[in-house]
PDB file of N, CA and C in Angstrom:
ATOM      1  N   MET A   1      13.750  14.503  11.710  1.00  0.00           N
ATOM      2  CA  MET A   1      14.404  13.256  12.052  1.00  0.00           C
ATOM      3  C   MET A   1      13.775  12.687  13.321  1.00  0.00           C
ATOM      4  N   ARG A   2      13.571  11.389  13.318  1.00  0.00           N
ATOM      5  CA  ARG A   2      13.011  10.721  14.492  1.00  0.00           C
ATOM      6  C   ARG A   2      14.082  10.535  15.567  1.00  0.00           C
ATOM      7  N   VAL A   3      13.632  10.489  16.789  1.00  0.00           N
ATOM      8  CA  VAL A   3      14.505  10.184  17.919  1.00  0.00           C
ATOM      9  C   VAL A   3      14.652   8.664  17.991  1.00  0.00           C
ATOM     10  N   LEU A   4      15.865   8.182  18.212  1.00  0.00           N
ATOM     11  CA  LEU A   4      16.134   6.750  18.331  1.00  0.00           C
ATOM     12  C   LEU A   4      16.141   6.365  19.802  1.00  0.00           C
ATOM     13  N   LEU A   5      15.320   5.376  20.152  1.00  0.00           N
ATOM     14  CA  LEU A   5      15.273   4.860  21.521  1.00  0.00           C
ATOM     15  C   LEU A   5      15.464   3.349  21.498  1.00  0.00           C
ATOM     16  N   TYR A   6      16.227   2.836  22.449  1.00  0.00           N
ATOM     17  CA  TYR A   6      16.402   1.395  22.624  1.00  0.00           C
ATOM     18  C   TYR A   6      15.618   0.966  23.861  1.00  0.00           C
ATOM     19  N   SER A   7      14.814  -0.076  23.730  1.00  0.00           N
ATOM     20  CA  SER A   7      14.125  -0.623  24.898  1.00  0.00           C
ATOM     21  C   SER A   7      15.158  -1.265  25.824  1.00  0.00           C
ATOM     22  N   ALA A   8      14.747  -1.559  27.049  1.00  0.00           N
ATOM     23  CA  ALA A   8      15.646  -2.252  27.981  1.00  0.00           C
ATOM     24  C   ALA A   8      16.070  -3.597  27.394  1.00  0.00           C
ATOM     25  N   ALA A   9      15.141  -4.301  26.750  1.00  0.00           N
ATOM     26  CA  ALA A   9      15.466  -5.592  26.136  1.00  0.00           C
ATOM     27  C   ALA A   9      16.485  -5.421  25.015  1.00  0.00           C
ATOM     28  N   ALA A  10      16.333  -4.383  24.207  1.00  0.00           N
ATOM     29  CA  ALA A  10      17.285  -4.134  23.114  1.00  0.00           C
ATOM     30  C   ALA A  10      18.663  -3.786  23.666  1.00  0.00           C
ATOM     31  N   ARG A  11      18.708  -3.029  24.763  1.00  0.00           N
ATOM     32  CA  ARG A  11      20.006  -2.711  25.381  1.00  0.00           C
ATOM     33  C   ARG A  11      20.681  -3.977  25.901  1.00  0.00           C
ATOM     34  N   ARG A  12      19.890  -4.889  26.469  1.00  0.00           N
ATOM     35  CA  ARG A  12      20.452  -6.184  26.905  1.00  0.00           C
ATOM     36  C   ARG A  12      20.952  -6.975  25.706  1.00  0.00           C
ATOM     37  N   ASP A  13      20.193  -6.940  24.602  1.00  0.00           N
ATOM     38  CA  ASP A  13      20.621  -7.642  23.385  1.00  0.00           C
ATOM     39  C   ASP A  13      21.960  -7.105  22.900  1.00  0.00           C
ATOM     40  N   VAL A  14      22.122  -5.783  22.889  1.00  0.00           N
ATOM     41  CA  VAL A  14      23.384  -5.174  22.445  1.00  0.00           C
ATOM     42  C   VAL A  14      24.526  -5.617  23.358  1.00  0.00           C
ATOM     43  N   ALA A  15      24.293  -5.629  24.662  1.00  0.00           N
ATOM     44  CA  ALA A  15      25.329  -6.065  25.609  1.00  0.00           C
ATOM     45  C   ALA A  15      25.693  -7.526  25.371  1.00  0.00           C
ATOM     46  N   ASP A  16      24.697  -8.372  25.105  1.00  0.00           N
ATOM     47  CA  ASP A  16      24.954  -9.789  24.818  1.00  0.00           C
ATOM     48  C   ASP A  16      25.758  -9.950  23.531  1.00  0.00           C
ATOM     49  N   ILE A  17      25.403  -9.182  22.511  1.00  0.00           N
ATOM     50  CA  ILE A  17      26.127  -9.229  21.235  1.00  0.00           C
ATOM     51  C   ILE A  17      27.571  -8.802  21.444  1.00  0.00           C
ATOM     52  N   LEU A  18      27.777  -7.751  22.196  1.00  0.00           N
ATOM     53  CA  LEU A  18      29.126  -7.257  22.485  1.00  0.00           C
ATOM     54  C   LEU A  18      29.954  -8.337  23.179  1.00  0.00           C
ATOM     55  N   ARG A  19      29.388  -8.971  24.208  1.00  0.00           N
ATOM     56  CA  ARG A  19      30.112 -10.040  24.919  1.00  0.00           C
ATOM     57  C   ARG A  19      30.412 -11.218  23.998  1.00  0.00           C
ATOM     58  N   TYR A  20      29.420 -11.628  23.204  1.00  0.00           N
ATOM     59  CA  TYR A  20      29.597 -12.779  22.314  1.00  0.00           C
ATOM     60  C   TYR A  20      30.712 -12.525  21.299  1.00  0.00           C
ATOM     61  N   ILE A  21      30.678 -11.382  20.649  1.00  0.00           N
ATOM     62  CA  ILE A  21      31.687 -11.096  19.625  1.00  0.00           C
ATOM     63  C   ILE A  21      33.062 -10.939  20.261  1.00  0.00           C
ATOM     64  N   THR A  22      33.128 -10.347  21.437  1.00  0.00           N
ATOM     65  CA  THR A  22      34.415 -10.230  22.136  1.00  0.00           C
ATOM     66  C   THR A  22      34.974 -11.614  22.438  1.00  0.00           C
ATOM     67  N   ARG A  23      34.127 -12.521  22.937  1.00  0.00           N
ATOM     68  CA  ARG A  23      34.565 -13.899  23.232  1.00  0.00           C
ATOM     69  C   ARG A  23      35.028 -14.624  21.975  1.00  0.00           C
ATOM     70  N   GLN A  24      34.262 -14.483  20.895  1.00  0.00           N
ATOM     71  CA  GLN A  24      34.582 -15.210  19.667  1.00  0.00           C
ATOM     72  C   GLN A  24      35.815 -14.659  18.964  1.00  0.00           C
ATOM     73  N   SER A  25      35.974 -13.348  18.985  1.00  0.00           N
ATOM     74  CA  SER A  25      37.070 -12.713  18.247  1.00  0.00           C
ATOM     75  C   SER A  25      38.292 -12.452  19.120  1.00  0.00           C
ATOM     76  N   LEU A  26      38.101 -12.544  20.448  1.00  0.00           N
ATOM     77  CA  LEU A  26      39.168 -12.212  21.408  1.00  0.00           C
ATOM     78  C   LEU A  26      39.642 -10.772  21.230  1.00  0.00           C
ATOM     79  N   SER A  27      38.715  -9.910  20.809  1.00  0.00           N
ATOM     80  CA  SER A  27      39.071  -8.515  20.551  1.00  0.00           C
ATOM     81  C   SER A  27      37.909  -7.594  20.905  1.00  0.00           C
ATOM     82  N   THR A  28      38.133  -6.724  21.886  1.00  0.00           N
ATOM     83  CA  THR A  28      37.092  -5.739  22.189  1.00  0.00           C
ATOM     84  C   THR A  28      36.965  -4.722  21.061  1.00  0.00           C
ATOM     85  N   ALA A  29      38.056  -4.485  20.337  1.00  0.00           N
ATOM     86  CA  ALA A  29      38.000  -3.533  19.222  1.00  0.00           C
ATOM     87  C   ALA A  29      37.041  -4.037  18.147  1.00  0.00           C
ATOM     88  N   VAL A  30      37.098  -5.335  17.853  1.00  0.00           N
ATOM     89  CA  VAL A  30      36.217  -5.921  16.835  1.00  0.00           C
ATOM     90  C   VAL A  30      34.761  -5.826  17.288  1.00  0.00           C
ATOM     91  N   SER A  31      34.497  -6.194  18.537  1.00  0.00           N
ATOM     92  CA  SER A  31      33.114  -6.175  19.019  1.00  0.00           C
ATOM     93  C   SER A  31      32.578  -4.747  19.101  1.00  0.00           C
ATOM     94  N   GLN A  32      33.401  -3.815  19.539  1.00  0.00           N
ATOM     95  CA  GLN A  32      32.955  -2.422  19.617  1.00  0.00           C
ATOM     96  C   GLN A  32      32.693  -1.839  18.230  1.00  0.00           C
ATOM     97  N   LYS A  33      33.500  -2.231  17.254  1.00  0.00           N
ATOM     98  CA  LYS A  33      33.287  -1.766  15.880  1.00  0.00           C
ATOM     99  C   LYS A  33      31.955  -2.301  15.345  1.00  0.00           C
ATOM    100  N   PHE A  34      31.656  -3.579  15.644  1.00  0.00           N
ATOM    101  CA  PHE A  34      30.399  -4.166  15.193  1.00  0.00           C
ATOM    102  C   PHE A  34      29.213  -3.442  15.824  1.00  0.00           C
ATOM    103  N   VAL A  35      29.271  -3.228  17.129  1.00  0.00           N
ATOM    104  CA  VAL A  35      28.165  -2.575  17.830  1.00  0.00           C
ATOM    105  C   VAL A  35      27.992  -1.133  17.350  1.00  0.00           C
ATOM    106  N   ALA A  36      29.085  -0.454  17.053  1.00  0.00           N
ATOM    107  CA  ALA A  36      28.989   0.911  16.510  1.00  0.00           C
ATOM    108  C   ALA A  36      28.301   0.889  15.146  1.00  0.00           C
ATOM    109  N   ALA A  37      28.629  -0.094  14.309  1.00  0.00           N
ATOM    110  CA  ALA A  37      27.987  -0.210  12.997  1.00  0.00           C
ATOM    111  C   ALA A  37      26.504  -0.547  13.150  1.00  0.00           C
ATOM    112  N   LEU A  38      26.171  -1.381  14.127  1.00  0.00           N
ATOM    113  CA  LEU A  38      24.775  -1.712  14.409  1.00  0.00           C
ATOM    114  C   LEU A  38      24.009  -0.460  14.835  1.00  0.00           C
ATOM    115  N   ASP A  39      24.607   0.338  15.698  1.00  0.00           N
ATOM    116  CA  ASP A  39      23.979   1.592  16.122  1.00  0.00           C
ATOM    117  C   ASP A  39      23.808   2.540  14.930  1.00  0.00           C
ATOM    118  N   ASP A  40      24.802   2.612  14.056  1.00  0.00           N
ATOM    119  CA  ASP A  40      24.682   3.437  12.841  1.00  0.00           C
ATOM    120  C   ASP A  40      23.508   2.976  11.989  1.00  0.00           C
ATOM    121  N   HIS A  41      23.341   1.650  11.872  1.00  0.00           N
ATOM    122  CA  HIS A  41      22.226   1.093  11.103  1.00  0.00           C
ATOM    123  C   HIS A  41      20.893   1.559  11.701  1.00  0.00           C
ATOM    124  N   CYS A  42      20.772   1.476  13.018  1.00  0.00           N
ATOM    125  CA  CYS A  42      19.535   1.903  13.687  1.00  0.00           C
ATOM    126  C   CYS A  42      19.317   3.402  13.521  1.00  0.00           C
ATOM    127  N   ARG A  43      20.380   4.176  13.615  1.00  0.00           N
ATOM    128  CA  ARG A  43      20.263   5.633  13.429  1.00  0.00           C
ATOM    129  C   ARG A  43      19.819   5.964  12.006  1.00  0.00           C
ATOM    130  N   LYS A  44      20.293   5.190  11.043  1.00  0.00           N
ATOM    131  CA  LYS A  44      19.873   5.400   9.655  1.00  0.00           C
ATOM    132  C   LYS A  44      18.378   5.112   9.504  1.00  0.00           C
ATOM    133  N   LEU A  45      17.892   4.044  10.157  1.00  0.00           N
ATOM    134  CA  LEU A  45      16.459   3.743  10.117  1.00  0.00           C
ATOM    135  C   LEU A  45      15.647   4.904  10.686  1.00  0.00           C
ATOM    136  N   ALA A  46      16.172   5.537  11.732  1.00  0.00           N
ATOM    137  CA  ALA A  46      15.471   6.668  12.355  1.00  0.00           C
ATOM    138  C   ALA A  46      15.568   7.929  11.508  1.00  0.00           C
ATOM    139  N   ARG A  47      16.700   8.109  10.855  1.00  0.00           N
ATOM    140  CA  ARG A  47      16.984   9.361  10.141  1.00  0.00           C
ATOM    141  C   ARG A  47      16.302   9.445   8.776  1.00  0.00           C
ATOM    142  N   LEU A  48      16.272   8.358   8.046  1.00  0.00           N
ATOM    143  CA  LEU A  48      15.748   8.406   6.681  1.00  0.00           C
ATOM    144  C   LEU A  48      14.237   8.619   6.682  1.00  0.00           C
ATOM    145  N   PRO A  49      13.748   9.384   5.731  1.00  0.00           N
ATOM    146  CA  PRO A  49      12.309   9.643   5.680  1.00  0.00           C
ATOM    147  C   PRO A  49      11.541   8.395   5.256  1.00  0.00           C
ATOM    148  N   GLY A  50      10.284   8.387   5.587  1.00  0.00           N
ATOM    149  CA  GLY A  50       9.436   7.276   5.186  1.00  0.00           C
ATOM    150  C   GLY A  50       9.459   6.157   6.206  1.00  0.00           C
ATOM    151  N   THR A  51       8.881   5.057   5.796  1.00  0.00           N
ATOM    152  CA  THR A  51       8.770   3.891   6.654  1.00  0.00           C
ATOM    153  C   THR A  51       9.656   2.803   6.078  1.00  0.00           C
ATOM    154  N   LEU A  52      10.658   2.415   6.832  1.00  0.00           N
ATOM    155  CA  LEU A  52      11.632   1.434   6.365  1.00  0.00           C
ATOM    156  C   LEU A  52      11.414   0.096   7.060  1.00  0.00           C
ATOM    157  N   GLY A  53      12.106  -0.904   6.582  1.00  0.00           N
ATOM    158  CA  GLY A  53      12.016  -2.226   7.182  1.00  0.00           C
ATOM    159  C   GLY A  53      10.810  -2.997   6.684  1.00  0.00           C
ATOM    160  N   ARG A  54      10.792  -4.255   7.055  1.00  0.00           N
ATOM    161  CA  ARG A  54       9.716  -5.165   6.652  1.00  0.00           C
ATOM    162  C   ARG A  54       8.620  -5.163   7.720  1.00  0.00           C
ATOM    163  N   PRO A  55       7.370  -4.959   7.333  1.00  0.00           N
ATOM    164  CA  PRO A  55       6.279  -5.045   8.312  1.00  0.00           C
ATOM    165  C   PRO A  55       6.215  -6.453   8.907  1.00  0.00           C
ATOM    166  N   ARG A  56       6.000  -6.546  10.224  1.00  0.00           N
ATOM    167  CA  ARG A  56       5.928  -7.847  10.899  1.00  0.00           C
ATOM    168  C   ARG A  56       4.665  -7.938  11.760  1.00  0.00           C
ATOM    169  N   PRO A  57       3.477  -7.775  11.132  1.00  0.00           N
ATOM    170  CA  PRO A  57       2.235  -7.798  11.915  1.00  0.00           C
ATOM    171  C   PRO A  57       1.968  -9.149  12.571  1.00  0.00           C
ATOM    172  N   GLU A  58       2.574 -10.217  12.056  1.00  0.00           N
ATOM    173  CA  GLU A  58       2.379 -11.535  12.660  1.00  0.00           C
ATOM    174  C   GLU A  58       3.060 -11.638  14.029  1.00  0.00           C
ATOM    175  N   LEU A  59       3.990 -10.721  14.304  1.00  0.00           N
ATOM    176  CA  LEU A  59       4.692 -10.729  15.589  1.00  0.00           C
ATOM    177  C   LEU A  59       4.050  -9.778  16.587  1.00  0.00           C
ATOM    178  N   ARG A  60       3.724  -8.574  16.106  1.00  0.00           N
ATOM    179  CA  ARG A  60       3.131  -7.548  16.968  1.00  0.00           C
ATOM    180  C   ARG A  60       2.653  -6.407  16.068  1.00  0.00           C
ATOM    181  N   ALA A  61       1.530  -5.827  16.406  1.00  0.00           N
ATOM    182  CA  ALA A  61       1.005  -4.700  15.626  1.00  0.00           C
ATOM    183  C   ALA A  61       2.034  -3.578  15.588  1.00  0.00           C
ATOM    184  N   GLY A  62       2.308  -3.086  14.392  1.00  0.00           N
ATOM    185  CA  GLY A  62       3.235  -1.973  14.213  1.00  0.00           C
ATOM    186  C   GLY A  62       4.702  -2.349  14.172  1.00  0.00           C
ATOM    187  N   MET A  63       5.020  -3.606  14.420  1.00  0.00           N
ATOM    188  CA  MET A  63       6.425  -4.014  14.439  1.00  0.00           C
ATOM    189  C   MET A  63       6.963  -4.143  13.019  1.00  0.00           C
ATOM    190  N   ARG A  64       8.246  -3.790  12.875  1.00  0.00           N
ATOM    191  CA  ARG A  64       8.959  -3.906  11.610  1.00  0.00           C
ATOM    192  C   ARG A  64      10.301  -4.555  11.903  1.00  0.00           C
ATOM    193  N   SER A  65      10.974  -5.038  10.857  1.00  0.00           N
ATOM    194  CA  SER A  65      12.298  -5.625  11.058  1.00  0.00           C
ATOM    195  C   SER A  65      13.230  -5.205   9.932  1.00  0.00           C
ATOM    196  N   SER A  66      14.517  -5.220  10.261  1.00  0.00           N
ATOM    197  CA  SER A  66      15.553  -4.870   9.294  1.00  0.00           C
ATOM    198  C   SER A  66      16.774  -5.735   9.581  1.00  0.00           C
ATOM    199  N   PRO A  67      17.276  -6.464   8.572  1.00  0.00           N
ATOM    200  CA  PRO A  67      18.444  -7.318   8.803  1.00  0.00           C
ATOM    201  C   PRO A  67      19.722  -6.500   8.928  1.00  0.00           C
ATOM    202  N   PHE A  68      20.648  -7.036   9.722  1.00  0.00           N
ATOM    203  CA  PHE A  68      21.965  -6.419   9.850  1.00  0.00           C
ATOM    204  C   PHE A  68      22.986  -7.492  10.211  1.00  0.00           C
ATOM    205  N   ARG A  69      23.815  -7.876   9.252  1.00  0.00           N
ATOM    206  CA  ARG A  69      24.968  -8.760   9.457  1.00  0.00           C
ATOM    207  C   ARG A  69      24.704  -9.953  10.381  1.00  0.00           C
ATOM    208  N   GLY A  70      23.748 -10.767  10.034  1.00  0.00           N
ATOM    209  CA  GLY A  70      23.474 -11.967  10.817  1.00  0.00           C
ATOM    210  C   GLY A  70      22.523 -11.746  11.986  1.00  0.00           C
ATOM    211  N   TYR A  71      22.039 -10.544  12.133  1.00  0.00           N
ATOM    212  CA  TYR A  71      21.076 -10.199  13.182  1.00  0.00           C
ATOM    213  C   TYR A  71      19.867  -9.548  12.529  1.00  0.00           C
ATOM    214  N   VAL A  72      18.793  -9.436  13.278  1.00  0.00           N
ATOM    215  CA  VAL A  72      17.600  -8.739  12.803  1.00  0.00           C
ATOM    216  C   VAL A  72      17.203  -7.730  13.879  1.00  0.00           C
ATOM    217  N   VAL A  73      17.040  -6.489  13.452  1.00  0.00           N
ATOM    218  CA  VAL A  73      16.608  -5.412  14.343  1.00  0.00           C
ATOM    219  C   VAL A  73      15.087  -5.340  14.255  1.00  0.00           C
ATOM    220  N   PHE A  74      14.419  -5.489  15.392  1.00  0.00           N
ATOM    221  CA  PHE A  74      12.966  -5.370  15.467  1.00  0.00           C
ATOM    222  C   PHE A  74      12.647  -4.014  16.088  1.00  0.00           C
ATOM    223  N   PHE A  75      11.788  -3.258  15.414  1.00  0.00           N
ATOM    224  CA  PHE A  75      11.525  -1.889  15.854  1.00  0.00           C
ATOM    225  C   PHE A  75      10.113  -1.478  15.493  1.00  0.00           C
ATOM    226  N   GLN A  76       9.730  -0.314  16.002  1.00  0.00           N
ATOM    227  CA  GLN A  76       8.444   0.271  15.625  1.00  0.00           C
ATOM    228  C   GLN A  76       8.577   1.785  15.582  1.00  0.00           C
ATOM    229  N   TYR A  77       7.781   2.380  14.722  1.00  0.00           N
ATOM    230  CA  TYR A  77       7.685   3.836  14.662  1.00  0.00           C
ATOM    231  C   TYR A  77       6.556   4.258  15.594  1.00  0.00           C
ATOM    232  N   VAL A  78       6.846   5.182  16.497  1.00  0.00           N
ATOM    233  CA  VAL A  78       5.833   5.715  17.412  1.00  0.00           C
ATOM    234  C   VAL A  78       5.986   7.231  17.411  1.00  0.00           C
ATOM    235  N   ASP A  79       5.008   7.906  16.812  1.00  0.00           N
ATOM    236  CA  ASP A  79       5.052   9.370  16.699  1.00  0.00           C
ATOM    237  C   ASP A  79       6.376   9.799  16.072  1.00  0.00           C
ATOM    238  N   ASP A  80       7.175  10.567  16.791  1.00  0.00           N
ATOM    239  CA  ASP A  80       8.442  11.066  16.241  1.00  0.00           C
ATOM    240  C   ASP A  80       9.636  10.240  16.725  1.00  0.00           C
ATOM    241  N   ARG A  81       9.377   8.977  17.089  1.00  0.00           N
ATOM    242  CA  ARG A  81      10.437   8.100  17.605  1.00  0.00           C
ATOM    243  C   ARG A  81      10.527   6.817  16.795  1.00  0.00           C
ATOM    244  N   LEU A  82      11.727   6.268  16.778  1.00  0.00           N
ATOM    245  CA  LEU A  82      11.926   4.895  16.328  1.00  0.00           C
ATOM    246  C   LEU A  82      12.384   4.139  17.567  1.00  0.00           C
ATOM    247  N   GLU A  83      11.591   3.157  17.979  1.00  0.00           N
ATOM    248  CA  GLU A  83      11.896   2.379  19.170  1.00  0.00           C
ATOM    249  C   GLU A  83      12.412   1.007  18.756  1.00  0.00           C
ATOM    250  N   VAL A  84      13.657   0.715  19.114  1.00  0.00           N
ATOM    251  CA  VAL A  84      14.223  -0.609  18.869  1.00  0.00           C
ATOM    252  C   VAL A  84      13.721  -1.513  19.986  1.00  0.00           C
ATOM    253  N   ILE A  85      13.047  -2.584  19.612  1.00  0.00           N
ATOM    254  CA  ILE A  85      12.421  -3.488  20.574  1.00  0.00           C
ATOM    255  C   ILE A  85      13.381  -4.601  20.968  1.00  0.00           C
ATOM    256  N   ASN A  86      13.961  -5.254  19.981  1.00  0.00           N
ATOM    257  CA  ASN A  86      14.921  -6.337  20.202  1.00  0.00           C
ATOM    258  C   ASN A  86      15.875  -6.404  19.033  1.00  0.00           C
ATOM    259  N   ILE A  87      17.018  -7.028  19.267  1.00  0.00           N
ATOM    260  CA  ILE A  87      17.981  -7.336  18.211  1.00  0.00           C
ATOM    261  C   ILE A  87      18.346  -8.800  18.408  1.00  0.00           C
ATOM    262  N   LEU A  88      17.916  -9.639  17.474  1.00  0.00           N
ATOM    263  CA  LEU A  88      18.071 -11.086  17.626  1.00  0.00           C
ATOM    264  C   LEU A  88      18.906 -11.668  16.497  1.00  0.00           C
ATOM    265  N   GLU A  89      19.499 -12.836  16.772  1.00  0.00           N
ATOM    266  CA  GLU A  89      20.228 -13.547  15.732  1.00  0.00           C
ATOM    267  C   GLU A  89      19.246 -13.915  14.624  1.00  0.00           C
ATOM    268  N   ALA A  90      19.692 -13.824  13.389  1.00  0.00           N
ATOM    269  CA  ALA A  90      18.806 -14.046  12.242  1.00  0.00           C
ATOM    270  C   ALA A  90      18.247 -15.465  12.198  1.00  0.00           C
ATOM    271  N   HIS A  91      18.938 -16.427  12.796  1.00  0.00           N
ATOM    272  CA  HIS A  91      18.488 -17.820  12.738  1.00  0.00           C
ATOM    273  C   HIS A  91      17.422 -18.146  13.785  1.00  0.00           C
ATOM    274  N   ARG A  92      17.134 -17.214  14.679  1.00  0.00           N
ATOM    275  CA  ARG A  92      16.183 -17.475  15.774  1.00  0.00           C
ATOM    276  C   ARG A  92      14.769 -17.691  15.246  1.00  0.00           C
ATOM    277  N   ASP A  93      14.002 -18.472  15.983  1.00  0.00           N
ATOM    278  CA  ASP A  93      12.579 -18.657  15.707  1.00  0.00           C
ATOM    279  C   ASP A  93      11.849 -17.465  16.334  1.00  0.00           C
ATOM    280  N   VAL A  94      11.707 -16.406  15.557  1.00  0.00           N
ATOM    281  CA  VAL A  94      11.171 -15.161  16.117  1.00  0.00           C
ATOM    282  C   VAL A  94       9.692 -15.269  16.463  1.00  0.00           C
ATOM    283  N   GLU A  95       8.954 -16.102  15.748  1.00  0.00           N
ATOM    284  CA  GLU A  95       7.539 -16.266  16.069  1.00  0.00           C
ATOM    285  C   GLU A  95       7.387 -16.789  17.496  1.00  0.00           C
ATOM    286  N   THR A  96       8.203 -17.781  17.858  1.00  0.00           N
ATOM    287  CA  THR A  96       8.167 -18.321  19.218  1.00  0.00           C
ATOM    288  C   THR A  96       8.669 -17.288  20.215  1.00  0.00           C
ATOM    289  N   TYR A  97       9.721 -16.560  19.867  1.00  0.00           N
ATOM    290  CA  TYR A  97      10.292 -15.564  20.767  1.00  0.00           C
ATOM    291  C   TYR A  97       9.264 -14.500  21.145  1.00  0.00           C
ATOM    292  N   PHE A  98       8.479 -14.049  20.170  1.00  0.00           N
ATOM    293  CA  PHE A  98       7.528 -12.964  20.413  1.00  0.00           C
ATOM    294  C   PHE A  98       6.130 -13.448  20.806  1.00  0.00           C
ATOM    295  N   GLU A  99       5.954 -14.758  20.995  1.00  0.00           N
ATOM    296  CA  GLU A  99       4.649 -15.265  21.425  1.00  0.00           C
ATOM    297  C   GLU A  99       4.271 -14.678  22.770  1.00  0.00           C
ATOM    298  N   GLU A 100       2.991 -14.420  22.940  1.00  0.00           N
ATOM    299  CA  GLU A 100       2.495 -13.951  24.240  1.00  0.00           C
ATOM    300  C   GLU A 100       2.621 -15.104  25.230  1.00  0.00           C
ATOM    301  N   PRO A 101       3.060 -14.815  26.461  1.00  0.00           N
ATOM    302  CA  PRO A 101       3.201 -15.898  27.462  1.00  0.00           C
ATOM    303  C   PRO A 101       1.872 -16.445  27.910  1.00  0.00           C
TER     304      PRO A 101
END
């Protein structure tokens, strides 16, 4: 099984998602349940054998993506790790987001 790691940017994304859902639902229980399910999704990507997700070479070499309930998890496999790079809203212009500055 691969080790699951979240980048600093992905951790900020999770915190933003938690705040947004709490504000919209007026319930920390709802937002915490969503974030727990999101973490389960990422753990499943790390746990299952093989290479999962959609290849996204147009964004970055080795990057892959996997949809989750209105969001997209961007990640890469590195040796025995699955590194979550970002978690963005599905409607975002990801090509612009990942452009080199």
